[in-house]
């Protein structure tokens, strides 16, 4: 790709997006991680005791509860989180197609 003409290049220290996200602003993932780590009291469905746990712990326990009641999408989400989702690779030749499932640990 050819270089742009000299007159269209940014000068040193000049931003290409001057009204973009301000410096120091937190990204969405940073904010979400902070709230998932927030601590709260809740009843642990496994032990039946009220204990201090993170919002992420409470969500995971709720997902486990749904899976135990037969929710297959909750089960799949838990298994993919714990062991990684299988990747499907397709190898193609001129006469046949071979499909191989590759697990995260391979």
Protein backbone atom coordinates (compact mmCIF):
# COMPACT_ATOMS: atom_id res chain seq x y z
CA UNK A 1 0.00 0.00 0.00
CA UNK A 2 1.53 3.36 -0.95
CA UNK A 3 2.22 6.01 1.64
CA UNK A 4 -0.46 8.73 1.95
CA UNK A 5 0.42 12.19 0.65
CA UNK A 6 2.43 14.34 3.03
CA UNK A 7 -0.42 16.85 3.61
CA UNK A 8 -2.79 14.13 4.97
CA UNK A 9 -0.44 12.70 7.59
CA UNK A 10 -0.89 13.54 11.26
CA UNK A 11 1.65 15.75 12.89
CA UNK A 12 3.57 14.33 15.89
CA UNK A 13 1.34 14.33 18.98
CA UNK A 14 -1.83 14.91 16.96
CA UNK A 15 -4.63 12.38 17.39
CA UNK A 16 -6.47 10.79 14.51
CA UNK A 17 -9.61 10.77 16.65
CA UNK A 18 -9.53 13.87 18.88
CA UNK A 19 -13.01 13.24 20.30
CA UNK A 20 -12.34 9.58 21.03
CA UNK A 21 -12.39 7.91 24.44
CA UNK A 22 -10.71 10.19 26.99
CA UNK A 23 -7.44 9.09 28.59
CA UNK A 24 -8.03 7.22 31.82
CA UNK A 25 -11.57 6.15 30.88
CA UNK A 26 -12.24 2.54 31.82
CA UNK A 27 -13.16 0.03 29.14
CA UNK A 28 -16.37 -1.97 29.39
CA UNK A 29 -14.46 -5.16 30.25
CA UNK A 30 -12.69 -3.41 33.16
CA UNK A 31 -16.02 -2.23 34.59
CA UNK A 32 -17.64 -5.66 34.18
CA UNK A 33 -14.70 -7.43 35.86
CA UNK A 34 -14.93 -5.02 38.80
CA UNK A 35 -18.64 -5.80 39.32
CA UNK A 36 -18.13 -9.54 38.93
CA UNK A 37 -15.56 -9.37 41.74
CA UNK A 38 -17.94 -7.44 44.04
CA UNK A 39 -18.66 -9.34 47.26
CA UNK A 40 -22.16 -10.01 48.57
CA UNK A 41 -23.82 -12.35 51.04
CA UNK A 42 -25.85 -15.14 49.58
CA UNK A 43 -27.11 -18.64 50.29
CA UNK A 44 -24.82 -21.27 48.84
CA UNK A 45 -27.15 -23.82 47.21
CA UNK A 46 -24.53 -26.55 47.62
CA UNK A 47 -24.04 -26.16 51.38
CA UNK A 48 -27.25 -24.33 52.32
CA UNK A 49 -25.25 -21.82 54.36
CA UNK A 50 -25.25 -18.04 54.00
CA UNK A 51 -21.76 -16.92 53.10
CA UNK A 52 -19.82 -14.08 51.53
CA UNK A 53 -19.23 -14.71 47.82
CA UNK A 54 -18.52 -12.77 44.67
CA UNK A 55 -21.19 -11.95 42.11
CA UNK A 56 -19.32 -14.24 39.72
CA UNK A 57 -19.58 -17.10 42.26
CA UNK A 58 -23.32 -16.49 42.64
CA UNK A 59 -23.80 -16.52 38.86
CA UNK A 60 -21.79 -19.72 38.50
CA UNK A 61 -23.80 -21.42 41.25
CA UNK A 62 -27.04 -20.32 39.56
CA UNK A 63 -25.80 -21.83 36.29
CA UNK A 64 -24.88 -25.08 38.06
CA UNK A 65 -28.38 -25.16 39.59
CA UNK A 66 -29.96 -24.77 36.14
CA UNK A 67 -27.74 -27.52 34.73
CA UNK A 68 -28.69 -29.86 37.58
CA UNK A 69 -32.36 -29.28 36.70
CA UNK A 70 -31.72 -30.42 33.13
CA UNK A 71 -30.93 -27.19 31.29
CA UNK A 72 -28.58 -28.46 28.58
CA UNK A 73 -27.47 -24.97 27.48
CA UNK A 74 -26.39 -24.23 31.08
CA UNK A 75 -24.51 -27.54 31.13
CA UNK A 76 -22.77 -26.71 27.84
CA UNK A 77 -21.81 -23.22 29.09
CA UNK A 78 -20.29 -24.72 32.25
CA UNK A 79 -18.39 -27.42 30.38
CA UNK A 80 -17.07 -24.94 27.80
CA UNK A 81 -15.94 -22.62 30.62
CA UNK A 82 -14.25 -25.39 32.55
CA UNK A 83 -12.67 -27.38 29.73
CA UNK A 84 -12.83 -25.10 26.68
CA UNK A 85 -15.13 -25.36 23.71
CA UNK A 86 -14.04 -27.91 21.12
CA UNK A 87 -12.71 -26.42 17.89
CA UNK A 88 -13.79 -28.00 14.64
CA UNK A 89 -11.20 -28.23 11.91
CA UNK A 90 -11.99 -29.27 8.38
CA UNK A 91 -9.31 -30.77 6.18
CA UNK A 92 -10.24 -30.92 2.53
CA UNK A 93 -8.82 -33.02 -0.28
CA UNK A 94 -9.98 -33.32 -3.87
CA UNK A 95 -12.06 -36.46 -3.16
CA UNK A 96 -13.10 -36.33 0.50
CA UNK A 97 -13.74 -34.08 3.48
CA UNK A 98 -12.36 -35.11 6.89
CA UNK A 99 -13.66 -33.46 10.06
CA UNK A 100 -11.63 -33.62 13.26
CA UNK A 101 -12.62 -32.19 16.63
CA UNK A 102 -9.62 -30.75 18.45
CA UNK A 103 -9.86 -30.14 22.20
CA UNK A 104 -8.23 -27.22 23.96
CA UNK A 105 -5.59 -29.42 25.65
CA UNK A 106 -4.31 -30.95 22.36
